[in-house]
Amino acid sequence: MVHAGVDAGSGYVHTITGTSANMHDVSETANLIREDDEVVYGDFGYLGAVNQPAIKGDEKKYKIEFRVNKRPSSLKIADGFKGLNWDKNGT
């Protein structure tokens, strides 16, 4: 499995790590963070990153703001809403 750290401003990849396929994304979070990072963005595979031992045990990394998307299944959408998820409504 390949994990990539990408600069939010430029869009350039700054770090790449490789793990076996049975390693979860969140376990690689600490290896993708740079010294000057203040905010980390991730998809729902990185939920709980702040609770990883490598981040909890590092004072600098623990202070980083983590902005991680929720799982799509946990998002609440009104029954009659046909906006963003129009393709899932069968119309």
N, C-alpha and C. Protein backbone atom coordinates (compact mmCIF):
# COMPACT_ATOMS: atom_id res chain seq x y z
N MET A 1 0.86 -1.16 0.00
CA MET A 1 0.00 0.00 0.00
C MET A 1 0.91 1.23 0.00
N VAL A 2 0.59 2.21 -0.80
CA VAL A 2 1.37 3.44 -0.86
C VAL A 2 0.59 4.54 -0.16
N HIS A 3 1.29 5.29 0.67
CA HIS A 3 0.70 6.42 1.39
C HIS A 3 1.48 7.66 0.97
N ALA A 4 0.78 8.77 0.74
CA ALA A 4 1.44 9.97 0.27
C ALA A 4 1.07 11.17 1.12
N GLY A 5 2.06 11.98 1.43
CA GLY A 5 1.86 13.27 2.07
C GLY A 5 1.94 14.33 0.98
N VAL A 6 0.94 15.17 0.89
CA VAL A 6 0.86 16.16 -0.18
C VAL A 6 0.76 17.54 0.42
N ASP A 7 1.50 18.50 -0.13
CA ASP A 7 1.44 19.87 0.33
C ASP A 7 0.10 20.48 -0.10
N ALA A 8 -0.63 21.04 0.86
CA ALA A 8 -1.96 21.59 0.57
C ALA A 8 -1.88 22.82 -0.34
N GLY A 9 -0.81 23.58 -0.24
CA GLY A 9 -0.68 24.80 -1.05
C GLY A 9 -0.31 24.52 -2.49
N SER A 10 0.70 23.70 -2.70
CA SER A 10 1.21 23.46 -4.05
C SER A 10 0.59 22.23 -4.72
N GLY A 11 0.15 21.27 -3.92
CA GLY A 11 -0.36 20.03 -4.47
C GLY A 11 0.72 19.02 -4.78
N TYR A 12 1.97 19.35 -4.47
CA TYR A 12 3.09 18.45 -4.73
C TYR A 12 3.23 17.42 -3.62
N VAL A 13 3.59 16.21 -4.00
CA VAL A 13 3.85 15.15 -3.03
C VAL A 13 5.19 15.44 -2.36
N HIS A 14 5.21 15.40 -1.02
CA HIS A 14 6.46 15.63 -0.30
C HIS A 14 6.98 14.37 0.38
N THR A 15 6.11 13.40 0.62
CA THR A 15 6.51 12.17 1.30
C THR A 15 5.73 10.99 0.75
N ILE A 16 6.42 9.88 0.53
CA ILE A 16 5.76 8.64 0.13
C ILE A 16 6.28 7.54 1.02
N THR A 17 5.36 6.72 1.56
CA THR A 17 5.75 5.55 2.33
C THR A 17 5.02 4.34 1.76
N GLY A 18 5.59 3.19 1.97
CA GLY A 18 4.97 1.96 1.51
C GLY A 18 4.81 0.98 2.67
N THR A 19 3.65 0.33 2.73
CA THR A 19 3.39 -0.66 3.77
C THR A 19 2.72 -1.86 3.14
N SER A 20 2.61 -2.93 3.91
CA SER A 20 1.84 -4.08 3.44
C SER A 20 0.37 -3.68 3.40
N ALA A 21 -0.40 -4.39 2.63
CA ALA A 21 -1.82 -4.04 2.42
C ALA A 21 -2.66 -4.15 3.68
N ASN A 22 -2.19 -4.91 4.68
CA ASN A 22 -3.00 -5.05 5.89
C ASN A 22 -2.77 -3.93 6.89
N MET A 23 -1.92 -2.96 6.56
CA MET A 23 -1.70 -1.79 7.43
C MET A 23 -2.76 -0.74 7.12
N HIS A 24 -3.39 -0.22 8.14
CA HIS A 24 -4.42 0.80 7.97
C HIS A 24 -3.77 2.16 7.68
N ASP A 25 -4.44 2.99 6.91
CA ASP A 25 -3.93 4.32 6.56
C ASP A 25 -3.51 5.12 7.79
N VAL A 26 -4.34 5.10 8.82
CA VAL A 26 -4.10 5.92 10.01
C VAL A 26 -2.78 5.57 10.69
N SER A 27 -2.30 4.35 10.52
CA SER A 27 -1.04 3.96 11.17
C SER A 27 0.17 4.65 10.55
N GLU A 28 0.04 5.20 9.36
CA GLU A 28 1.15 5.88 8.68
C GLU A 28 1.11 7.40 8.83
N THR A 29 0.11 7.92 9.49
CA THR A 29 -0.06 9.37 9.60
C THR A 29 1.19 10.08 10.10
N ALA A 30 1.77 9.61 11.18
CA ALA A 30 2.93 10.28 11.78
C ALA A 30 4.10 10.34 10.81
N ASN A 31 4.22 9.36 9.93
CA ASN A 31 5.33 9.34 8.96
C ASN A 31 5.12 10.30 7.80
N LEU A 32 3.91 10.80 7.64
CA LEU A 32 3.60 11.70 6.52
C LEU A 32 3.60 13.18 6.92
N ILE A 33 3.77 13.45 8.21
CA ILE A 33 3.73 14.83 8.72
C ILE A 33 5.13 15.43 8.68
N ARG A 34 5.24 16.66 8.16
CA ARG A 34 6.51 17.37 8.12
C ARG A 34 6.66 18.23 9.37
N GLU A 35 7.86 18.68 9.64
CA GLU A 35 8.16 19.50 10.82
C GLU A 35 7.36 20.80 10.86
N ASP A 36 7.11 21.39 9.69
CA ASP A 36 6.43 22.69 9.65
C ASP A 36 4.92 22.60 9.45
N ASP A 37 4.37 21.40 9.43
CA ASP A 37 2.91 21.24 9.26
C ASP A 37 2.17 21.72 10.50
N GLU A 38 1.11 22.50 10.27
CA GLU A 38 0.27 22.99 11.35
C GLU A 38 -1.14 22.42 11.25
N VAL A 39 -1.54 22.03 10.04
CA VAL A 39 -2.85 21.45 9.78
C VAL A 39 -2.64 20.23 8.90
N VAL A 40 -3.36 19.16 9.19
CA VAL A 40 -3.30 17.94 8.39
C VAL A 40 -4.71 17.64 7.90
N TYR A 41 -4.85 17.42 6.59
CA TYR A 41 -6.13 17.07 5.99
C TYR A 41 -6.10 15.59 5.60
N GLY A 42 -7.23 14.91 5.75
CA GLY A 42 -7.27 13.51 5.35
C GLY A 42 -8.68 13.04 5.11
N ASP A 43 -8.78 11.90 4.42
CA ASP A 43 -10.10 11.31 4.23
C ASP A 43 -10.43 10.47 5.47
N PHE A 44 -11.55 9.79 5.45
CA PHE A 44 -12.01 9.10 6.65
C PHE A 44 -11.11 7.93 7.05
N GLY A 45 -10.16 7.55 6.21
CA GLY A 45 -9.19 6.54 6.59
C GLY A 45 -8.23 7.01 7.67
N TYR A 46 -8.22 8.32 7.91
CA TYR A 46 -7.33 8.90 8.92
C TYR A 46 -8.07 9.33 10.18
N LEU A 47 -9.31 8.89 10.34
CA LEU A 47 -10.04 9.17 11.57
C LEU A 47 -9.28 8.56 12.75
N GLY A 48 -9.15 9.29 13.81
CA GLY A 48 -8.45 8.79 14.99
C GLY A 48 -6.95 8.97 14.92
N ALA A 49 -6.46 9.70 13.94
CA ALA A 49 -5.01 9.89 13.80
C ALA A 49 -4.39 10.50 15.04
N VAL A 50 -5.09 11.44 15.64
CA VAL A 50 -4.55 12.12 16.82
C VAL A 50 -4.37 11.16 17.99
N ASN A 51 -5.02 10.02 17.97
CA ASN A 51 -4.91 9.03 19.04
C ASN A 51 -3.83 7.98 18.80
N GLN A 52 -3.14 8.06 17.66
CA GLN A 52 -2.07 7.12 17.37
C GLN A 52 -0.89 7.38 18.31
N PRO A 53 -0.25 6.32 18.84
CA PRO A 53 0.86 6.48 19.79
C PRO A 53 1.98 7.38 19.28
N ALA A 54 2.32 7.29 17.99
CA ALA A 54 3.41 8.09 17.44
C ALA A 54 3.06 9.58 17.41
N ILE A 55 1.79 9.90 17.42
CA ILE A 55 1.36 11.31 17.43
C ILE A 55 1.12 11.76 18.86
N LYS A 56 0.45 10.94 19.65
CA LYS A 56 0.21 11.29 21.06
C LYS A 56 1.51 11.50 21.82
N GLY A 57 2.54 10.73 21.48
CA GLY A 57 3.80 10.81 22.18
C GLY A 57 4.73 11.91 21.69
N ASP A 58 4.31 12.64 20.66
CA ASP A 58 5.13 13.72 20.10
C ASP A 58 4.40 15.04 20.35
N GLU A 59 4.98 15.88 21.20
CA GLU A 59 4.32 17.13 21.59
C GLU A 59 3.97 18.01 20.39
N LYS A 60 4.86 18.13 19.41
CA LYS A 60 4.62 18.97 18.23
C LYS A 60 3.48 18.39 17.38
N LYS A 61 3.56 17.10 17.09
CA LYS A 61 2.53 16.47 16.24
C LYS A 61 1.17 16.44 16.92
N TYR A 62 1.15 16.32 18.24
CA TYR A 62 -0.11 16.26 18.96
C TYR A 62 -0.85 17.60 18.91
N LYS A 63 -0.12 18.70 18.72
CA LYS A 63 -0.74 20.03 18.67
C LYS A 63 -1.25 20.40 17.28
N ILE A 64 -0.95 19.57 16.29
CA ILE A 64 -1.40 19.84 14.92
C ILE A 64 -2.92 19.72 14.85
N GLU A 65 -3.53 20.57 14.04
CA GLU A 65 -4.98 20.49 13.83
C GLU A 65 -5.26 19.45 12.75
N PHE A 66 -6.06 18.46 13.08
CA PHE A 66 -6.41 17.41 12.14
C PHE A 66 -7.80 17.67 11.59
N ARG A 67 -7.91 17.82 10.28
CA ARG A 67 -9.19 18.02 9.61
C ARG A 67 -9.45 16.79 8.74
N VAL A 68 -10.26 15.90 9.27
CA VAL A 68 -10.49 14.61 8.63
C VAL A 68 -11.97 14.47 8.30
N ASN A 69 -12.25 14.06 7.05
CA ASN A 69 -13.64 13.87 6.63
C ASN A 69 -14.30 12.73 7.40
N LYS A 70 -15.60 12.85 7.58
CA LYS A 70 -16.37 11.78 8.20
C LYS A 70 -16.66 10.70 7.17
N ARG A 71 -17.01 9.54 7.65
CA ARG A 71 -17.43 8.47 6.75
C ARG A 71 -18.73 8.90 6.06
N PRO A 72 -18.86 8.65 4.76
CA PRO A 72 -20.08 9.05 4.05
C PRO A 72 -21.34 8.49 4.69
N SER A 73 -21.28 7.30 5.24
CA SER A 73 -22.46 6.69 5.85
C SER A 73 -22.89 7.40 7.13
N SER A 74 -22.01 8.22 7.73
CA SER A 74 -22.37 8.91 8.96
C SER A 74 -22.97 10.29 8.71
N LEU A 75 -23.01 10.72 7.46
CA LEU A 75 -23.57 12.03 7.14
C LEU A 75 -25.09 11.95 7.11
N LYS A 76 -25.74 12.89 7.75
CA LYS A 76 -27.20 12.92 7.81
C LYS A 76 -27.74 13.75 6.65
N ILE A 77 -28.62 13.16 5.86
CA ILE A 77 -29.22 13.85 4.73
C ILE A 77 -30.74 13.69 4.83
N ALA A 78 -31.44 14.77 4.65
CA ALA A 78 -32.90 14.73 4.71
C ALA A 78 -33.45 13.79 3.64
N ASP A 79 -34.54 13.10 3.94
CA ASP A 79 -35.11 12.11 3.02
C ASP A 79 -35.41 12.67 1.64
N GLY A 80 -35.93 13.88 1.56
CA GLY A 80 -36.32 14.45 0.27
C GLY A 80 -35.21 15.19 -0.45
N PHE A 81 -34.02 15.24 0.11
CA PHE A 81 -32.92 16.00 -0.49
C PHE A 81 -32.42 15.34 -1.76
N LYS A 82 -32.36 16.10 -2.86
CA LYS A 82 -31.90 15.56 -4.14
C LYS A 82 -30.72 16.36 -4.68
N GLY A 83 -29.97 17.00 -3.79
CA GLY A 83 -28.86 17.85 -4.21
C GLY A 83 -27.59 17.09 -4.51
N LEU A 84 -26.66 17.09 -3.60
CA LEU A 84 -25.33 16.55 -3.82
C LEU A 84 -25.30 15.06 -4.14
N ASN A 85 -26.24 14.31 -3.62
CA ASN A 85 -26.23 12.86 -3.82
C ASN A 85 -27.30 12.42 -4.80
N TRP A 86 -27.50 13.18 -5.84
CA TRP A 86 -28.56 12.87 -6.80
C TRP A 86 -28.38 11.49 -7.42
N ASP A 87 -27.12 11.04 -7.59
CA ASP A 87 -26.90 9.75 -8.23
C ASP A 87 -27.29 8.59 -7.31
N LYS A 88 -27.37 8.82 -6.01
CA LYS A 88 -27.74 7.76 -5.08
C LYS A 88 -29.25 7.69 -4.86
N ASN A 89 -29.99 8.67 -5.38
CA ASN A 89 -31.43 8.71 -5.19
C ASN A 89 -32.18 7.97 -6.29
N GLY A 90 -31.46 7.42 -7.26
CA GLY A 90 -32.11 6.66 -8.33
C GLY A 90 -32.81 7.54 -9.34
N THR A 91 -32.48 8.83 -9.40
CA THR A 91 -33.13 9.69 -10.38
C THR A 91 -32.19 10.10 -11.47
